[in-house]
């Protein structure tokens, strides 16, 4: 990687993610600290965290970034997050009105519980449809169709 490419990628990350995410309270934290916090939380609390914190935050962030909190803009936000946060990768597929979101992370089962709650809440309340969600230790898959 050339120096110019490195500087360009650092500046892009700052402009596209870091500066805006800081306005929403994002802070860097050691992965081990975050994972320890997850491990001390029960599944019900993590599901509730996903529903009451993550899902509304994603919608609010899409509205702030894109001035639009539609299905496609929220999914754009999740894609952008994947470009800049190395521990969470999200793949999106859209075929007609059918959407599939696959989120891969290395934060363990407890984070999958929080993501499952967040996606369930987001799809039901914001997209007004019923999702099908499967969650493993490092992957959460969400499928839904918009009316």
N, C-alpha and C. Protein backbone atom coordinates (compact mmCIF):
# COMPACT_ATOMS: atom_id res chain seq x y z
N UNK A 1 0.85 -1.17 0.00
CA UNK A 1 0.00 0.00 0.00
C UNK A 1 0.90 1.24 0.00
N UNK A 2 0.59 2.16 -0.86
CA UNK A 2 1.38 3.39 -0.92
C UNK A 2 0.97 4.32 0.21
N UNK A 3 1.82 5.28 0.50
CA UNK A 3 1.51 6.26 1.53
C UNK A 3 0.26 7.05 1.17
N UNK A 4 0.14 7.43 -0.10
CA UNK A 4 -1.05 8.18 -0.54
C UNK A 4 -2.32 7.36 -0.34
N UNK A 5 -2.28 6.07 -0.67
CA UNK A 5 -3.45 5.21 -0.50
C UNK A 5 -3.80 5.07 0.98
N UNK A 6 -2.78 4.93 1.82
CA UNK A 6 -3.02 4.83 3.26
C UNK A 6 -3.65 6.09 3.81
N UNK A 7 -3.09 7.24 3.47
CA UNK A 7 -3.64 8.52 3.94
C UNK A 7 -5.06 8.71 3.43
N UNK A 8 -5.30 8.36 2.18
CA UNK A 8 -6.64 8.47 1.62
C UNK A 8 -7.64 7.60 2.37
N UNK A 9 -7.26 6.36 2.68
CA UNK A 9 -8.19 5.47 3.39
C UNK A 9 -8.46 5.96 4.81
N UNK A 10 -7.45 6.49 5.47
CA UNK A 10 -7.63 7.03 6.82
C UNK A 10 -8.57 8.23 6.80
N UNK A 11 -8.36 9.12 5.86
CA UNK A 11 -9.22 10.30 5.75
C UNK A 11 -10.65 9.93 5.37
N UNK A 12 -10.79 8.97 4.48
CA UNK A 12 -12.13 8.52 4.09
C UNK A 12 -12.88 7.94 5.28
N UNK A 13 -12.19 7.11 6.06
CA UNK A 13 -12.83 6.53 7.24
C UNK A 13 -13.25 7.62 8.21
N UNK A 14 -12.40 8.60 8.41
CA UNK A 14 -12.74 9.69 9.32
C UNK A 14 -13.97 10.46 8.83
N UNK A 15 -13.97 10.82 7.56
CA UNK A 15 -15.08 11.62 7.01
C UNK A 15 -16.37 10.81 6.94
N UNK A 16 -16.27 9.55 6.47
CA UNK A 16 -17.47 8.73 6.29
C UNK A 16 -18.01 8.18 7.60
N UNK A 17 -17.15 7.89 8.57
CA UNK A 17 -17.63 7.20 9.76
C UNK A 17 -17.28 7.88 11.07
N UNK A 18 -16.00 8.03 11.37
CA UNK A 18 -15.57 8.43 12.71
C UNK A 18 -16.19 9.74 13.19
N UNK A 19 -16.13 10.77 12.36
CA UNK A 19 -16.62 12.09 12.79
C UNK A 19 -18.13 12.05 13.07
N UNK A 20 -18.87 11.35 12.24
CA UNK A 20 -20.33 11.28 12.42
C UNK A 20 -20.71 10.33 13.55
N UNK A 21 -20.01 9.20 13.63
CA UNK A 21 -20.34 8.21 14.66
C UNK A 21 -20.09 8.77 16.06
N UNK A 22 -19.09 9.61 16.19
CA UNK A 22 -18.80 10.23 17.50
C UNK A 22 -19.99 11.03 18.00
N UNK A 23 -20.76 11.60 17.10
CA UNK A 23 -21.95 12.38 17.49
C UNK A 23 -23.03 11.50 18.10
N UNK A 24 -22.92 10.19 17.88
CA UNK A 24 -23.89 9.24 18.43
C UNK A 24 -23.34 8.49 19.63
N UNK A 25 -22.19 8.93 20.13
CA UNK A 25 -21.63 8.33 21.33
C UNK A 25 -20.73 7.14 21.10
N UNK A 26 -20.37 6.86 19.84
CA UNK A 26 -19.44 5.76 19.58
C UNK A 26 -18.10 6.10 20.20
N UNK A 27 -17.54 5.11 20.88
CA UNK A 27 -16.21 5.28 21.46
C UNK A 27 -15.39 4.03 21.18
N UNK A 28 -14.09 4.18 21.01
CA UNK A 28 -13.26 2.98 20.88
C UNK A 28 -13.14 2.30 22.25
N UNK A 29 -13.22 1.00 22.25
CA UNK A 29 -13.08 0.25 23.50
C UNK A 29 -12.32 -1.03 23.17
N UNK A 30 -11.51 -1.51 24.10
CA UNK A 30 -10.80 -2.76 23.89
C UNK A 30 -11.81 -3.88 23.68
N UNK A 31 -11.53 -4.70 22.69
CA UNK A 31 -12.42 -5.82 22.38
C UNK A 31 -12.60 -6.73 23.59
N UNK A 32 -11.54 -7.00 24.31
CA UNK A 32 -11.64 -7.89 25.47
C UNK A 32 -12.56 -7.31 26.54
N UNK A 33 -12.54 -6.01 26.73
CA UNK A 33 -13.42 -5.36 27.70
C UNK A 33 -14.87 -5.50 27.25
N UNK A 34 -15.12 -5.22 25.98
CA UNK A 34 -16.48 -5.33 25.44
C UNK A 34 -17.00 -6.75 25.56
N UNK A 35 -16.17 -7.73 25.21
CA UNK A 35 -16.60 -9.12 25.28
C UNK A 35 -16.85 -9.56 26.72
N UNK A 36 -16.05 -9.08 27.65
CA UNK A 36 -16.29 -9.39 29.06
C UNK A 36 -17.62 -8.81 29.53
N UNK A 37 -17.93 -7.59 29.09
CA UNK A 37 -19.23 -6.99 29.43
C UNK A 37 -20.38 -7.81 28.86
N UNK A 38 -20.21 -8.26 27.62
CA UNK A 38 -21.25 -9.11 27.01
C UNK A 38 -21.45 -10.38 27.83
N UNK A 39 -20.35 -11.01 28.24
CA UNK A 39 -20.44 -12.27 28.97
C UNK A 39 -21.12 -12.13 30.33
N UNK A 40 -21.05 -10.95 30.93
CA UNK A 40 -21.69 -10.76 32.23
C UNK A 40 -23.17 -10.42 32.10
N UNK A 41 -23.65 -10.25 30.87
CA UNK A 41 -25.06 -9.91 30.64
C UNK A 41 -25.85 -11.16 30.27
N UNK A 42 -27.09 -11.21 30.72
CA UNK A 42 -27.94 -12.34 30.36
C UNK A 42 -28.58 -12.09 28.99
N UNK A 43 -29.04 -13.16 28.36
CA UNK A 43 -29.59 -13.07 27.01
C UNK A 43 -30.79 -12.14 26.92
N UNK A 44 -31.64 -12.15 27.94
CA UNK A 44 -32.82 -11.27 27.91
C UNK A 44 -32.40 -9.80 27.89
N UNK A 45 -31.41 -9.43 28.69
CA UNK A 45 -30.93 -8.05 28.72
C UNK A 45 -30.29 -7.66 27.39
N UNK A 46 -29.56 -8.58 26.78
CA UNK A 46 -28.92 -8.28 25.50
C UNK A 46 -29.95 -8.15 24.38
N UNK A 47 -30.99 -9.00 24.40
CA UNK A 47 -32.08 -8.87 23.43
C UNK A 47 -32.74 -7.50 23.58
N UNK A 48 -32.99 -7.09 24.80
CA UNK A 48 -33.61 -5.79 25.06
C UNK A 48 -32.69 -4.64 24.63
N UNK A 49 -31.40 -4.79 24.83
CA UNK A 49 -30.43 -3.79 24.38
C UNK A 49 -30.52 -3.62 22.86
N UNK A 50 -30.58 -4.73 22.16
CA UNK A 50 -30.72 -4.67 20.70
C UNK A 50 -31.98 -3.95 20.28
N UNK A 51 -33.08 -4.27 20.95
CA UNK A 51 -34.38 -3.68 20.59
C UNK A 51 -34.50 -2.21 20.95
N UNK A 52 -33.98 -1.82 22.11
CA UNK A 52 -34.22 -0.45 22.59
C UNK A 52 -33.07 0.52 22.32
N UNK A 53 -31.89 -0.03 22.01
CA UNK A 53 -30.74 0.85 21.76
C UNK A 53 -30.25 0.74 20.32
N UNK A 54 -29.89 -0.48 19.89
CA UNK A 54 -29.29 -0.63 18.56
C UNK A 54 -30.26 -0.29 17.43
N UNK A 55 -31.43 -0.90 17.42
CA UNK A 55 -32.37 -0.67 16.31
C UNK A 55 -32.74 0.81 16.17
N UNK A 56 -33.14 1.49 17.25
CA UNK A 56 -33.45 2.92 17.10
C UNK A 56 -32.23 3.75 16.68
N UNK A 57 -31.04 3.34 17.16
CA UNK A 57 -29.84 4.09 16.80
C UNK A 57 -29.54 3.96 15.31
N UNK A 58 -29.69 2.74 14.76
CA UNK A 58 -29.46 2.56 13.32
C UNK A 58 -30.40 3.43 12.51
N UNK A 59 -31.65 3.48 12.92
CA UNK A 59 -32.64 4.29 12.20
C UNK A 59 -32.29 5.78 12.31
N UNK A 60 -31.93 6.22 13.50
CA UNK A 60 -31.57 7.62 13.72
C UNK A 60 -30.30 7.99 12.95
N UNK A 61 -29.32 7.10 12.94
CA UNK A 61 -28.08 7.37 12.22
C UNK A 61 -28.33 7.46 10.72
N UNK A 62 -29.17 6.59 10.17
CA UNK A 62 -29.50 6.65 8.74
C UNK A 62 -30.18 7.97 8.42
N UNK A 63 -31.06 8.39 9.30
CA UNK A 63 -31.74 9.67 9.10
C UNK A 63 -30.75 10.83 9.12
N UNK A 64 -29.78 10.77 10.02
CA UNK A 64 -28.77 11.82 10.14
C UNK A 64 -27.83 11.82 8.93
N UNK A 65 -27.31 10.63 8.56
CA UNK A 65 -26.35 10.51 7.47
C UNK A 65 -26.98 10.82 6.12
N UNK A 66 -28.15 10.21 5.87
CA UNK A 66 -28.74 10.22 4.53
C UNK A 66 -30.02 11.05 4.44
N UNK A 67 -30.45 11.63 5.56
CA UNK A 67 -31.71 12.39 5.61
C UNK A 67 -32.88 11.53 5.17
N UNK A 68 -32.81 10.24 5.53
CA UNK A 68 -33.81 9.28 5.08
C UNK A 68 -33.62 8.02 5.93
N UNK A 69 -34.69 7.50 6.52
CA UNK A 69 -34.57 6.28 7.31
C UNK A 69 -35.38 5.14 6.69
N UNK A 70 -35.41 5.12 5.35
CA UNK A 70 -36.08 4.04 4.63
C UNK A 70 -35.27 2.74 4.76
N UNK A 71 -35.87 1.65 4.30
CA UNK A 71 -35.21 0.35 4.33
C UNK A 71 -33.83 0.45 3.68
N UNK A 72 -33.78 0.99 2.47
CA UNK A 72 -32.52 1.02 1.73
C UNK A 72 -31.47 1.89 2.40
N UNK A 73 -31.87 3.00 3.01
CA UNK A 73 -30.87 3.86 3.66
C UNK A 73 -30.35 3.23 4.95
N UNK A 74 -31.20 2.55 5.69
CA UNK A 74 -30.72 1.88 6.90
C UNK A 74 -29.75 0.77 6.50
N UNK A 75 -30.05 0.06 5.44
CA UNK A 75 -29.15 -0.97 4.96
C UNK A 75 -27.84 -0.36 4.44
N UNK A 76 -27.91 0.81 3.83
CA UNK A 76 -26.69 1.53 3.43
C UNK A 76 -25.83 1.84 4.65
N UNK A 77 -26.47 2.24 5.73
CA UNK A 77 -25.74 2.53 6.96
C UNK A 77 -25.02 1.28 7.47
N UNK A 78 -25.72 0.15 7.47
CA UNK A 78 -25.10 -1.09 7.94
C UNK A 78 -23.93 -1.50 7.04
N UNK A 79 -24.05 -1.25 5.75
CA UNK A 79 -22.94 -1.52 4.83
C UNK A 79 -21.76 -0.60 5.12
N UNK A 80 -22.05 0.67 5.35
CA UNK A 80 -20.99 1.63 5.65
C UNK A 80 -20.27 1.22 6.94
N UNK A 81 -21.04 0.81 7.92
CA UNK A 81 -20.45 0.37 9.18
C UNK A 81 -19.47 -0.77 8.93
N UNK A 82 -19.82 -1.68 8.04
CA UNK A 82 -18.95 -2.81 7.72
C UNK A 82 -17.64 -2.39 7.07
N UNK A 83 -17.68 -1.32 6.29
CA UNK A 83 -16.46 -0.85 5.64
C UNK A 83 -15.47 -0.28 6.64
N UNK A 84 -15.97 0.19 7.79
CA UNK A 84 -15.11 0.91 8.71
C UNK A 84 -14.88 0.23 10.06
N UNK A 85 -15.67 -0.77 10.38
CA UNK A 85 -15.49 -1.47 11.65
C UNK A 85 -15.09 -2.91 11.35
N UNK A 86 -13.85 -3.28 11.63
CA UNK A 86 -13.34 -4.58 11.19
C UNK A 86 -13.97 -5.79 11.87
N UNK A 87 -14.63 -5.62 12.99
CA UNK A 87 -15.17 -6.76 13.72
C UNK A 87 -16.60 -7.11 13.32
N UNK A 88 -17.21 -6.34 12.43
CA UNK A 88 -18.57 -6.63 11.97
C UNK A 88 -18.61 -6.45 10.45
N UNK A 89 -18.99 -7.50 9.75
CA UNK A 89 -19.13 -7.44 8.30
C UNK A 89 -20.57 -7.79 7.94
N UNK A 90 -21.19 -6.95 7.14
CA UNK A 90 -22.58 -7.16 6.75
C UNK A 90 -22.68 -7.27 5.23
N UNK A 91 -23.32 -8.33 4.78
CA UNK A 91 -23.59 -8.52 3.35
C UNK A 91 -25.08 -8.34 3.14
N UNK A 92 -25.43 -7.63 2.10
CA UNK A 92 -26.83 -7.37 1.78
C UNK A 92 -27.16 -7.94 0.42
N UNK A 93 -28.32 -8.56 0.33
CA UNK A 93 -28.82 -9.03 -0.96
C UNK A 93 -30.26 -8.57 -1.10
N UNK A 94 -30.58 -8.13 -2.30
CA UNK A 94 -31.95 -7.71 -2.58
C UNK A 94 -32.37 -8.31 -3.91
N UNK A 95 -33.47 -9.05 -3.87
CA UNK A 95 -34.04 -9.62 -5.08
C UNK A 95 -35.50 -9.24 -5.11
N UNK A 96 -35.84 -8.26 -5.93
CA UNK A 96 -37.20 -7.74 -5.94
C UNK A 96 -37.51 -7.09 -4.61
N UNK A 97 -38.53 -7.58 -3.93
CA UNK A 97 -38.91 -7.05 -2.62
C UNK A 97 -38.32 -7.85 -1.46
N UNK A 98 -37.54 -8.88 -1.79
CA UNK A 98 -36.96 -9.76 -0.78
C UNK A 98 -35.55 -9.29 -0.42
N UNK A 99 -35.31 -9.12 0.88
CA UNK A 99 -34.01 -8.69 1.39
C UNK A 99 -33.41 -9.79 2.25
N UNK A 100 -32.09 -9.92 2.17
CA UNK A 100 -31.34 -10.80 3.06
C UNK A 100 -30.17 -10.01 3.61
N UNK A 101 -30.03 -10.04 4.92
CA UNK A 101 -28.91 -9.39 5.60
C UNK A 101 -28.14 -10.49 6.31
N UNK A 102 -26.85 -10.58 6.03
CA UNK A 102 -25.99 -11.54 6.72
C UNK A 102 -24.90 -10.73 7.42
N UNK A 103 -24.90 -10.81 8.75
CA UNK A 103 -23.90 -10.09 9.54
C UNK A 103 -22.97 -11.11 10.19
N UNK A 104 -21.70 -10.98 9.88
CA UNK A 104 -20.68 -11.85 10.46
C UNK A 104 -19.85 -11.00 11.42
N UNK A 105 -19.58 -11.54 12.60
CA UNK A 105 -18.80 -10.80 13.60
C UNK A 105 -17.93 -11.78 14.37
N UNK A 106 -17.00 -11.25 15.12
CA UNK A 106 -16.14 -12.12 15.93
C UNK A 106 -16.28 -11.78 17.42
N UNK A 107 -17.51 -11.46 17.81
CA UNK A 107 -17.77 -11.05 19.19
C UNK A 107 -18.52 -12.10 20.01
N UNK A 108 -18.78 -13.26 19.42
CA UNK A 108 -19.38 -14.36 20.16
C UNK A 108 -20.91 -14.37 20.19
N UNK A 109 -21.43 -15.45 20.78
CA UNK A 109 -22.87 -15.70 20.82
C UNK A 109 -23.66 -14.56 21.46
N UNK A 110 -23.13 -13.97 22.50
CA UNK A 110 -23.88 -12.91 23.20
C UNK A 110 -24.15 -11.72 22.28
N UNK A 111 -23.20 -11.38 21.41
CA UNK A 111 -23.43 -10.27 20.48
C UNK A 111 -24.50 -10.67 19.45
N UNK A 112 -24.51 -11.94 19.06
CA UNK A 112 -25.56 -12.42 18.15
C UNK A 112 -26.94 -12.25 18.77
N UNK A 113 -27.06 -12.45 20.07
CA UNK A 113 -28.34 -12.27 20.77
C UNK A 113 -28.79 -10.81 20.65
N UNK A 114 -27.87 -9.88 20.88
CA UNK A 114 -28.21 -8.45 20.78
C UNK A 114 -28.58 -8.09 19.35
N UNK A 115 -27.82 -8.59 18.38
CA UNK A 115 -28.12 -8.30 16.97
C UNK A 115 -29.46 -8.88 16.55
N UNK A 116 -29.75 -10.09 17.01
CA UNK A 116 -31.04 -10.71 16.68
C UNK A 116 -32.20 -9.85 17.17
N UNK A 117 -32.11 -9.37 18.40
CA UNK A 117 -33.15 -8.49 18.92
C UNK A 117 -33.25 -7.19 18.14
N UNK A 118 -32.09 -6.64 17.78
CA UNK A 118 -32.08 -5.38 17.03
C UNK A 118 -32.72 -5.56 15.66
N UNK A 119 -32.33 -6.60 14.95
CA UNK A 119 -32.90 -6.82 13.62
C UNK A 119 -34.39 -7.14 13.68
N UNK A 120 -34.80 -7.92 14.67
CA UNK A 120 -36.22 -8.24 14.81
C UNK A 120 -37.03 -6.96 15.02
N UNK A 121 -36.56 -6.13 15.93
CA UNK A 121 -37.26 -4.86 16.22
C UNK A 121 -37.25 -3.94 15.00
N UNK A 122 -36.11 -3.81 14.35
CA UNK A 122 -35.98 -2.93 13.20
C UNK A 122 -36.92 -3.34 12.08
N UNK A 123 -36.92 -4.61 11.73
CA UNK A 123 -37.73 -5.08 10.61
C UNK A 123 -39.21 -5.00 10.94
N UNK A 124 -39.60 -5.39 12.14
CA UNK A 124 -41.02 -5.35 12.51
C UNK A 124 -41.55 -3.92 12.60
N UNK A 125 -40.82 -3.06 13.30
CA UNK A 125 -41.33 -1.71 13.56
C UNK A 125 -41.07 -0.74 12.41
N UNK A 126 -39.87 -0.75 11.87
CA UNK A 126 -39.52 0.23 10.85
C UNK A 126 -39.89 -0.20 9.44
N UNK A 127 -39.77 -1.51 9.16
CA UNK A 127 -40.05 -1.99 7.82
C UNK A 127 -41.44 -2.60 7.72
N UNK A 128 -42.11 -2.75 8.89
CA UNK A 128 -43.48 -3.23 8.99
C UNK A 128 -43.71 -4.58 8.31
N UNK A 129 -42.81 -5.51 8.63
CA UNK A 129 -42.94 -6.86 8.09
C UNK A 129 -42.33 -7.86 9.06
N UNK A 130 -42.60 -9.12 8.84
CA UNK A 130 -42.15 -10.19 9.72
C UNK A 130 -40.83 -10.76 9.21
N UNK A 131 -39.76 -10.71 10.00
CA UNK A 131 -38.49 -11.29 9.55
C UNK A 131 -38.36 -12.76 9.91
N UNK A 132 -37.50 -13.45 9.19
CA UNK A 132 -37.03 -14.76 9.57
C UNK A 132 -35.57 -14.57 9.94
N UNK A 133 -35.22 -14.93 11.18
CA UNK A 133 -33.87 -14.66 11.68
C UNK A 133 -33.26 -15.94 12.22
N UNK A 134 -32.02 -16.17 11.83
CA UNK A 134 -31.25 -17.25 12.44
C UNK A 134 -29.97 -16.64 13.00
N UNK A 135 -29.57 -17.12 14.17
CA UNK A 135 -28.40 -16.56 14.84
C UNK A 135 -27.51 -17.68 15.35
N UNK A 136 -26.24 -17.61 14.98
CA UNK A 136 -25.23 -18.54 15.49
C UNK A 136 -24.23 -17.77 16.33
N UNK A 137 -23.11 -18.38 16.60
CA UNK A 137 -22.11 -17.72 17.44
C UNK A 137 -21.47 -16.52 16.76
N UNK A 138 -21.38 -16.53 15.44
CA UNK A 138 -20.70 -15.43 14.75
C UNK A 138 -21.44 -14.91 13.53
N UNK A 139 -22.64 -15.43 13.27
CA UNK A 139 -23.40 -14.99 12.09
C UNK A 139 -24.87 -14.82 12.47
N UNK A 140 -25.45 -13.72 12.01
CA UNK A 140 -26.88 -13.49 12.14
C UNK A 140 -27.41 -13.26 10.73
N UNK A 141 -28.43 -14.03 10.35
CA UNK A 141 -29.02 -13.90 9.03
C UNK A 141 -30.47 -13.48 9.18
N UNK A 142 -30.85 -12.45 8.44
CA UNK A 142 -32.21 -11.91 8.49
C UNK A 142 -32.77 -11.91 7.08
N UNK A 143 -33.97 -12.43 6.94
CA UNK A 143 -34.65 -12.41 5.65
C UNK A 143 -36.02 -11.80 5.85
N UNK A 144 -36.42 -10.94 4.92
CA UNK A 144 -37.75 -10.33 5.00
C UNK A 144 -38.13 -9.79 3.63
N UNK A 145 -39.40 -9.58 3.46
CA UNK A 145 -39.93 -9.02 2.23
C UNK A 145 -40.69 -7.75 2.59
N UNK A 146 -40.45 -6.68 1.86
CA UNK A 146 -41.17 -5.44 2.14
C UNK A 146 -42.45 -5.39 1.31
N UNK A 147 -43.51 -4.86 1.91
CA UNK A 147 -44.80 -4.79 1.19
C UNK A 147 -44.74 -3.83 0.02
